Amino acid sequence: MPSSEVAAVPVEETPNAVEEQYEEQEPSLRPICTFVGPVVLSLVLFSMLGVLIRVHLTRLFTYTGEPVYGLIWVQMLGCFVMGAAMPLKGVLQSYSPALNTGVTTGLCGSITTFSSWQLLLFQEFFNTSRFGHSQFSNFLGGMSVLTTTLGCSVAATRLGQMVGDEVHIAYNHYLGSSARAGPRLAKVAERHDGWLAWDKWARLDVVLAACGIASVIAAAVVIALAPRTRSVSIALLFGPVGTLLRWRLASLNAEHSQFAGFVPRILSGLPLGTLIANVLGSAMLAITHVLQTGAVVRPSTSSCYILTAVSDGFCGCLTTISTFAAEITVLQSRLSMLYASISIVVTQALFILVAGVYFKTATVDYPVC
């Protein structure tokens, strides 16, 4: 493919500091190329899988008398897998760069959701369920959601890193010598050969691409033949759109210099791509949540399917806690606190602006989708 047609692939979502830490442990190996096609289709596949895990696991842990809210379990699971994938980046890329991007950006980023966490935080702070709480009780409820999710997510990421380190050591000990002798193990070069070069794709690339296409077709068939599952099956089609947008925005995390004249200096060291994705997705969820309550117009069955797909699919996959937690663990302490504070304060301000006025003034509540 001519150089003028080469398509650049955004960097993976794992933080740069962590990548450099573990890349130093990898041996010097022959370079391979990253193709856009397999990466995109791998993101589609793993994103849909992440949506399924998040929706059904949240439902499983949501019941009357639950000790903790169900959403926290999917956050910890996604953060744990992300943490484990960091030390194993070289191993995953040795089989296919699309596999590494699919697991981290696609699966972990879609299992976890920053926007739903912020919605739950807003609901607790402002008591949108209108329980007989005092304002201080509302504050305590909001702080409980804030601290438990943040603490458990960071702890799960750390635990995943420790497990990943042990798996990496075991892999090098038992399989490292034989794997290095094989033709597949390689270090990914910083060059990308565009969308199509079928004869150069690795076998795993072909498998991931085929499964990605098949998953889209399967979701479409389920939508047509199983109306009762449309709230989930439609979300499966909306999810990859959010994931791909987040993947593109992730390239901003490593390109701070181009924003030097547009953003304050103190923000130049923050992962702007993740920040933009989380804020944008949370703002869209705030709008969607208001529409689901019938604040503007009473939603029909069909519109409820679409609104649920937007919230669970697009917004849930556009925003992520797994990358957010991983970045917090590697940033310097001041930047880490600044990054977390800006992310949370800005999104809560958007929820107040979009949904807060309605929940404080509405007198009629239609059924929620």
Protein backbone atom coordinates (compact mmCIF):
# COMPACT_ATOMS: atom_id res chain seq x y z
CA MET A 1 0.00 0.00 0.00
CA PRO A 2 1.41 3.44 -0.85
CA SER A 3 2.67 5.50 2.02
CA SER A 4 0.08 8.20 1.33
CA GLU A 5 -2.68 5.71 2.11
CA VAL A 6 -1.24 4.46 5.36
CA ALA A 7 -3.70 4.81 8.26
CA ALA A 8 -2.30 5.53 11.68
CA VAL A 9 -3.57 3.43 14.56
CA PRO A 10 -4.10 5.19 17.91
CA VAL A 11 -2.07 3.96 20.82
CA GLU A 12 -3.65 1.48 23.17
CA GLU A 13 -5.34 2.78 26.28
CA THR A 14 -2.83 1.40 28.75
CA PRO A 15 -0.94 4.36 30.23
CA ASN A 16 2.39 5.23 28.68
CA ALA A 17 4.32 5.00 31.95
CA VAL A 18 3.09 1.45 32.51
CA GLU A 19 3.84 0.50 28.91
CA GLU A 20 7.42 1.73 29.22
CA GLN A 21 7.84 -0.09 32.53
CA TYR A 22 6.90 -3.46 31.10
CA GLU A 23 8.40 -3.00 27.64
CA GLU A 24 11.81 -2.77 29.31
CA GLN A 25 11.31 -6.37 30.44
CA GLU A 26 10.66 -7.65 26.91
CA PRO A 27 13.51 -9.11 24.82
CA SER A 28 14.57 -7.50 21.58
CA LEU A 29 12.52 -9.27 18.94
CA ARG A 30 11.77 -8.88 15.26
CA PRO A 31 9.23 -6.16 14.38
CA ILE A 32 5.76 -6.87 13.08
CA CYS A 33 3.07 -4.59 11.64
CA THR A 34 -0.24 -3.52 13.07
CA PHE A 35 -3.14 -3.54 10.62
CA VAL A 36 -6.15 -1.33 11.21
CA GLY A 37 -8.72 -3.85 9.97
CA PRO A 38 -8.10 -6.59 12.55
CA VAL A 39 -7.79 -4.01 15.33
CA VAL A 40 -11.16 -2.42 14.53
CA LEU A 41 -12.95 -5.75 14.20
CA SER A 42 -11.29 -7.02 17.37
CA LEU A 43 -12.56 -3.93 19.17
CA VAL A 44 -16.06 -4.64 17.87
CA LEU A 45 -15.92 -8.23 19.11
CA PHE A 46 -14.54 -7.51 22.57
CA SER A 47 -16.72 -4.43 23.00
CA MET A 48 -19.87 -6.47 22.45
CA LEU A 49 -18.59 -9.09 24.86
CA GLY A 50 -17.89 -6.36 27.43
CA VAL A 51 -21.43 -4.98 27.11
CA LEU A 52 -22.89 -8.44 27.70
CA ILE A 53 -20.74 -8.98 30.78
CA ARG A 54 -21.52 -5.55 32.23
CA VAL A 55 -25.28 -5.69 31.71
CA HIS A 56 -25.83 -9.22 32.97
CA LEU A 57 -23.34 -9.06 35.83
CA THR A 58 -24.92 -5.83 37.05
CA ARG A 59 -28.35 -7.43 36.91
CA LEU A 60 -27.05 -10.48 38.77
CA PHE A 61 -25.74 -8.41 41.69
CA THR A 62 -28.71 -6.03 41.81
CA TYR A 63 -31.40 -7.28 44.17
CA THR A 64 -33.39 -6.22 47.23
CA GLY A 65 -31.15 -5.91 50.26
CA GLU A 66 -27.90 -6.01 48.30
CA PRO A 67 -24.93 -5.15 50.58
CA VAL A 68 -23.25 -3.07 47.86
CA TYR A 69 -24.55 -1.73 44.57
CA GLY A 70 -24.23 -4.15 41.68
CA LEU A 71 -22.23 -1.83 39.42
CA ILE A 72 -19.13 -2.05 41.58
CA TRP A 73 -18.53 -5.69 40.65
CA VAL A 74 -18.19 -4.99 36.94
CA GLN A 75 -15.87 -2.08 37.70
CA MET A 76 -13.58 -4.30 39.76
CA LEU A 77 -13.64 -7.08 37.17
CA GLY A 78 -12.70 -4.78 34.31
CA CYS A 79 -9.97 -3.08 36.34
CA PHE A 80 -8.55 -6.44 37.41
CA VAL A 81 -8.32 -7.65 33.82
CA MET A 82 -6.77 -4.35 32.73
CA GLY A 83 -4.18 -4.59 35.49
CA ALA A 84 -3.34 -8.16 34.52
CA ALA A 85 -3.04 -7.21 30.84
CA MET A 86 -0.42 -4.51 31.50
CA PRO A 87 2.51 -6.86 32.26
CA LEU A 88 1.28 -9.24 29.55
CA LYS A 89 1.19 -6.64 26.79
CA GLY A 90 4.24 -8.08 25.05
CA VAL A 91 2.84 -11.62 25.24
CA LEU A 92 -0.54 -10.58 23.82
CA GLN A 93 1.07 -8.57 21.04
CA SER A 94 3.31 -11.46 20.14
CA TYR A 95 0.25 -13.34 18.98
CA SER A 96 -1.57 -10.32 17.55
CA PRO A 97 -1.51 -6.59 18.31
CA ALA A 98 -5.26 -6.67 17.68
CA LEU A 99 -5.63 -9.09 20.59
CA ASN A 100 -3.91 -6.72 23.01
CA THR A 101 -5.99 -3.75 21.88
CA GLY A 102 -9.16 -5.85 21.96
CA VAL A 103 -8.58 -7.04 25.53
CA THR A 104 -7.55 -3.67 27.01
CA THR A 105 -9.43 -1.04 25.00
CA GLY A 106 -12.30 -3.28 23.89
CA LEU A 107 -13.08 -5.69 26.71
CA CYS A 108 -11.88 -3.86 29.84
CA GLY A 109 -13.03 -0.48 28.60
CA SER A 110 -16.50 -1.82 27.82
CA ILE A 111 -16.95 -3.85 30.99
CA THR A 112 -16.29 -0.78 33.12
CA THR A 113 -18.19 2.47 32.73
CA PHE A 114 -17.38 5.91 34.09
CA SER A 115 -20.70 7.47 33.03
CA SER A 116 -22.92 5.01 34.93
CA TRP A 117 -20.78 5.53 38.02
CA GLN A 118 -21.27 9.27 37.73
CA LEU A 119 -25.03 8.82 37.24
CA LEU A 120 -25.22 6.71 40.39
CA LEU A 121 -23.15 9.31 42.22
CA PHE A 122 -25.51 12.07 41.09
CA GLN A 123 -28.55 10.05 42.16
CA GLU A 124 -27.13 9.55 45.64
CA PHE A 125 -26.01 13.14 46.15
CA PHE A 126 -29.35 14.57 45.03
CA ASN A 127 -31.61 11.74 46.26
CA THR A 128 -33.45 11.46 42.95
CA SER A 129 -35.38 8.47 44.32
CA ARG A 130 -36.84 10.90 46.91
CA PHE A 131 -36.24 8.81 49.99
CA GLY A 132 -36.89 10.40 53.37
CA HIS A 133 -33.25 11.34 53.84
CA SER A 134 -31.71 14.46 55.26
CA GLN A 135 -29.27 16.35 53.06
CA PHE A 136 -26.42 15.07 55.20
CA SER A 137 -27.56 11.49 54.54
CA ASN A 138 -27.58 12.27 50.82
CA PHE A 139 -24.01 13.52 51.14
CA LEU A 140 -22.97 10.35 52.96
CA GLY A 141 -24.60 8.20 50.28
CA GLY A 142 -22.78 10.04 47.53
CA MET A 143 -19.44 9.81 49.31
CA SER A 144 -19.98 6.08 49.81
CA VAL A 145 -20.46 5.55 46.08
CA LEU A 146 -17.50 7.80 45.28
CA THR A 147 -14.96 6.27 47.66
CA THR A 148 -15.92 2.60 47.31
CA THR A 149 -15.85 2.65 43.51
CA LEU A 150 -12.62 4.62 43.31
CA GLY A 151 -10.89 2.59 46.00
CA CYS A 152 -12.04 -0.81 44.76
CA SER A 153 -11.16 0.05 41.15
CA VAL A 154 -7.61 1.11 42.01
CA ALA A 155 -7.18 -1.90 44.31
CA ALA A 156 -8.44 -4.28 41.59
CA THR A 157 -6.00 -2.73 39.12
CA ARG A 158 -3.11 -3.26 41.53
CA LEU A 159 -4.17 -6.83 42.21
CA GLY A 160 -4.39 -7.49 38.48
CA GLN A 161 -0.87 -6.13 37.99
CA MET A 162 0.48 -8.51 40.62
CA VAL A 163 -1.29 -11.48 39.03
CA GLY A 164 -0.13 -10.39 35.59
CA ASP A 165 3.46 -10.14 36.80
CA GLU A 166 3.33 -13.71 38.08
CA VAL A 167 1.76 -14.98 34.87
CA HIS A 168 4.41 -13.14 32.87
CA ILE A 169 7.19 -14.74 34.90
CA ALA A 170 5.61 -18.18 34.50
CA TYR A 171 5.17 -17.65 30.76
CA ASN A 172 8.83 -16.69 30.30
CA HIS A 173 9.97 -19.62 32.44
CA TYR A 174 7.89 -22.37 30.85
CA LEU A 175 7.16 -21.07 27.36
CA GLY A 176 9.58 -18.19 26.81
CA SER A 177 12.48 -20.12 25.31
CA SER A 178 10.36 -22.18 22.91
CA ALA A 179 8.17 -19.22 22.01
CA ARG A 180 11.13 -17.05 21.12
CA ALA A 181 12.31 -19.70 18.70
CA GLY A 182 9.01 -19.62 16.86
CA PRO A 183 8.19 -17.20 14.06
CA ARG A 184 5.16 -15.61 15.74
CA LEU A 185 6.78 -13.92 18.73
CA ALA A 186 7.74 -10.38 17.82
CA LYS A 187 7.95 -6.87 19.08
CA VAL A 188 5.43 -4.53 17.56
CA ALA A 189 6.98 -1.83 15.44
CA GLU A 190 5.66 1.71 15.43
CA ARG A 191 4.38 1.49 11.87
CA HIS A 192 0.99 0.54 10.50
CA ASP A 193 0.11 -0.86 7.11
CA GLY A 194 -3.44 0.38 6.71
CA TRP A 195 -6.68 -1.54 6.46
CA LEU A 196 -6.23 -4.33 3.94
CA ALA A 197 -3.29 -6.62 3.36
CA TRP A 198 -4.97 -9.99 3.62
CA ASP A 199 -1.91 -12.02 2.76
CA LYS A 200 0.03 -10.45 5.65
CA TRP A 201 -2.56 -10.95 8.38
CA ALA A 202 -1.69 -13.39 11.14
CA ARG A 203 -4.04 -16.34 11.64
CA LEU A 204 -5.32 -14.86 14.88
CA ASP A 205 -6.03 -11.59 13.06
CA VAL A 206 -8.25 -13.47 10.65
CA VAL A 207 -10.03 -15.26 13.49
CA LEU A 208 -10.65 -12.03 15.39
CA ALA A 209 -11.88 -10.26 12.27
CA ALA A 210 -14.24 -13.11 11.38
CA CYS A 211 -15.61 -13.26 14.93
CA GLY A 212 -16.11 -9.49 14.93
CA ILE A 213 -18.17 -9.62 11.74
CA ALA A 214 -20.09 -12.67 12.97
CA SER A 215 -20.94 -10.96 16.27
CA VAL A 216 -22.52 -8.01 14.46
CA ILE A 217 -24.58 -10.33 12.27
CA ALA A 218 -25.64 -12.38 15.30
CA ALA A 219 -26.76 -9.26 17.17
CA ALA A 220 -28.83 -8.14 14.17
CA VAL A 221 -30.49 -11.56 13.95
CA VAL A 222 -31.31 -11.53 17.67
CA ILE A 223 -32.85 -8.06 17.35
CA ALA A 224 -35.12 -9.32 14.56
CA LEU A 225 -36.09 -12.68 16.09
CA ALA A 226 -36.10 -12.03 19.86
CA PRO A 227 -38.00 -8.81 20.66
CA ARG A 228 -37.81 -9.37 24.43
CA THR A 229 -34.02 -9.09 24.38
CA ARG A 230 -33.84 -5.92 22.31
CA SER A 231 -32.88 -3.75 25.27
CA VAL A 232 -29.59 -5.67 25.35
CA SER A 233 -29.15 -6.73 21.73
CA ILE A 234 -29.52 -3.19 20.38
CA ALA A 235 -27.01 -2.02 22.97
CA LEU A 236 -24.57 -4.55 21.51
CA LEU A 237 -24.61 -2.61 18.23
CA PHE A 238 -24.29 0.78 19.90
CA GLY A 239 -21.40 -0.32 22.15
CA PRO A 240 -18.69 -0.71 19.49
CA VAL A 241 -19.42 2.81 18.22
CA GLY A 242 -18.54 4.23 21.64
CA THR A 243 -15.50 1.97 21.92
CA LEU A 244 -14.13 3.01 18.54
CA LEU A 245 -14.59 6.68 19.39
CA ARG A 246 -12.76 6.18 22.68
CA TRP A 247 -10.01 4.33 20.83
CA ARG A 248 -9.55 7.28 18.49
CA LEU A 249 -9.57 9.74 21.38
CA ALA A 250 -6.91 7.65 23.13
CA SER A 251 -4.36 9.00 20.64
CA LEU A 252 -4.65 12.38 22.43
CA ASN A 253 -3.14 10.83 25.57
CA ALA A 254 0.31 10.77 23.95
CA GLU A 255 0.08 13.99 21.92
CA HIS A 256 0.18 16.71 24.56
CA SER A 257 2.46 19.05 22.59
CA GLN A 258 -0.19 19.93 20.03
CA PHE A 259 -2.43 21.31 22.80
CA ALA A 260 0.25 23.48 24.38
CA GLY A 261 -1.35 26.69 23.18
CA PHE A 262 -4.94 25.70 23.91
CA VAL A 263 -4.99 24.19 27.41
CA PRO A 264 -3.46 25.39 30.70
CA ARG A 265 0.03 24.12 31.34
CA ILE A 266 -1.06 22.15 34.39
CA LEU A 267 -3.44 20.10 32.23
CA SER A 268 -0.85 19.25 29.58
CA GLY A 269 0.35 16.23 31.54
CA LEU A 270 -3.10 14.70 31.93
CA PRO A 271 -4.48 11.93 29.68
CA LEU A 272 -6.75 14.27 27.72
CA GLY A 273 -8.17 11.55 25.49
CA THR A 274 -9.59 9.55 28.39
CA LEU A 275 -10.78 12.74 30.08
CA ILE A 276 -12.66 13.91 26.97
CA ALA A 277 -14.21 10.47 26.42
CA ASN A 278 -15.42 10.23 30.03
CA VAL A 279 -16.83 13.77 30.11
CA LEU A 280 -18.50 13.49 26.70
CA GLY A 281 -20.04 10.10 27.47
CA SER A 282 -21.27 11.25 30.88
CA ALA A 283 -22.91 14.34 29.35
CA MET A 284 -24.72 12.17 26.81
CA LEU A 285 -25.87 9.80 29.57
CA ALA A 286 -27.27 12.75 31.55
CA ILE A 287 -29.36 13.76 28.53
CA THR A 288 -30.43 10.18 27.90
CA HIS A 289 -31.40 9.69 31.55
CA VAL A 290 -33.67 12.73 31.49
CA LEU A 291 -35.34 11.46 28.31
CA GLN A 292 -35.86 8.05 29.91
CA THR A 293 -37.83 9.62 32.75
CA GLY A 294 -40.30 11.31 30.41
CA ALA A 295 -39.13 14.82 31.24
CA VAL A 296 -39.47 15.95 27.61
CA VAL A 297 -41.87 13.45 26.10
CA ARG A 298 -43.29 10.17 27.35
CA PRO A 299 -41.08 7.48 25.82
CA SER A 300 -42.61 4.71 23.74
CA THR A 301 -41.46 1.10 23.77
CA SER A 302 -39.31 1.57 20.68
CA SER A 303 -37.74 4.78 21.97
CA CYS A 304 -37.02 3.07 25.28
CA TYR A 305 -35.04 0.40 23.44
CA ILE A 306 -32.98 3.10 21.72
CA LEU A 307 -32.44 5.13 24.89
CA THR A 308 -31.35 2.03 26.79
CA ALA A 309 -28.99 1.13 23.96
CA VAL A 310 -27.48 4.60 24.06
CA SER A 311 -26.97 4.50 27.83
CA ASP A 312 -25.80 0.89 28.20
CA GLY A 313 -24.13 0.61 24.81
CA PHE A 314 -22.72 3.86 23.49
CA CYS A 315 -22.22 5.81 26.74
CA GLY A 316 -21.17 2.73 28.69
CA CYS A 317 -18.45 1.89 26.14
CA LEU A 318 -17.35 5.46 25.40
CA THR A 319 -16.50 5.97 29.07
CA THR A 320 -14.23 3.74 31.11
CA ILE A 321 -12.99 3.30 34.65
CA SER A 322 -10.39 0.63 33.88
CA THR A 323 -8.15 3.09 32.01
CA PHE A 324 -9.05 5.87 34.46
CA ALA A 325 -7.92 3.75 37.43
CA ALA A 326 -4.79 2.55 35.64
CA GLU A 327 -3.80 6.13 34.82
CA ILE A 328 -4.34 7.21 38.42
CA THR A 329 -1.93 4.52 39.60
CA VAL A 330 0.93 5.66 37.34
CA LEU A 331 0.57 9.45 37.34
CA GLN A 332 2.46 11.53 39.86
CA SER A 333 0.48 12.09 43.04
CA ARG A 334 -0.44 15.71 42.30
CA LEU A 335 -1.41 14.99 38.71
CA SER A 336 -3.31 11.91 39.84
CA MET A 337 -5.40 13.87 42.33
CA LEU A 338 -5.91 16.70 39.85
CA TYR A 339 -6.96 14.28 37.10
CA ALA A 340 -9.45 12.45 39.33
CA SER A 341 -10.86 15.70 40.72
CA ILE A 342 -11.35 17.32 37.31
CA SER A 343 -12.97 14.19 35.88
CA ILE A 344 -15.46 13.85 38.73
CA VAL A 345 -16.24 17.53 39.32
CA VAL A 346 -16.78 18.34 35.64
CA THR A 347 -19.06 15.36 35.04
CA GLN A 348 -21.08 16.05 38.18
CA ALA A 349 -21.46 19.67 37.11
CA LEU A 350 -22.84 18.46 33.77
CA PHE A 351 -25.28 16.12 35.48
CA ILE A 352 -26.49 18.98 37.69
CA LEU A 353 -26.84 21.27 34.68
CA VAL A 354 -28.67 18.73 32.53
CA ALA A 355 -30.64 16.61 35.01
CA GLY A 356 -30.48 18.38 38.36
CA VAL A 357 -32.96 21.12 37.56
CA TYR A 358 -35.52 18.59 36.34
CA PHE A 359 -35.32 16.33 39.38
CA LYS A 360 -35.66 19.28 41.73
CA THR A 361 -38.66 20.84 39.95
CA ALA A 362 -40.59 17.99 38.30
CA THR A 363 -43.96 17.13 39.82
CA VAL A 364 -44.97 14.30 37.46
CA ASP A 365 -42.85 11.22 36.90
CA TYR A 366 -43.57 8.98 33.95
CA PRO A 367 -42.43 5.35 34.01
CA VAL A 368 -38.70 5.02 33.53
CA CYS A 369 -37.50 2.96 30.57
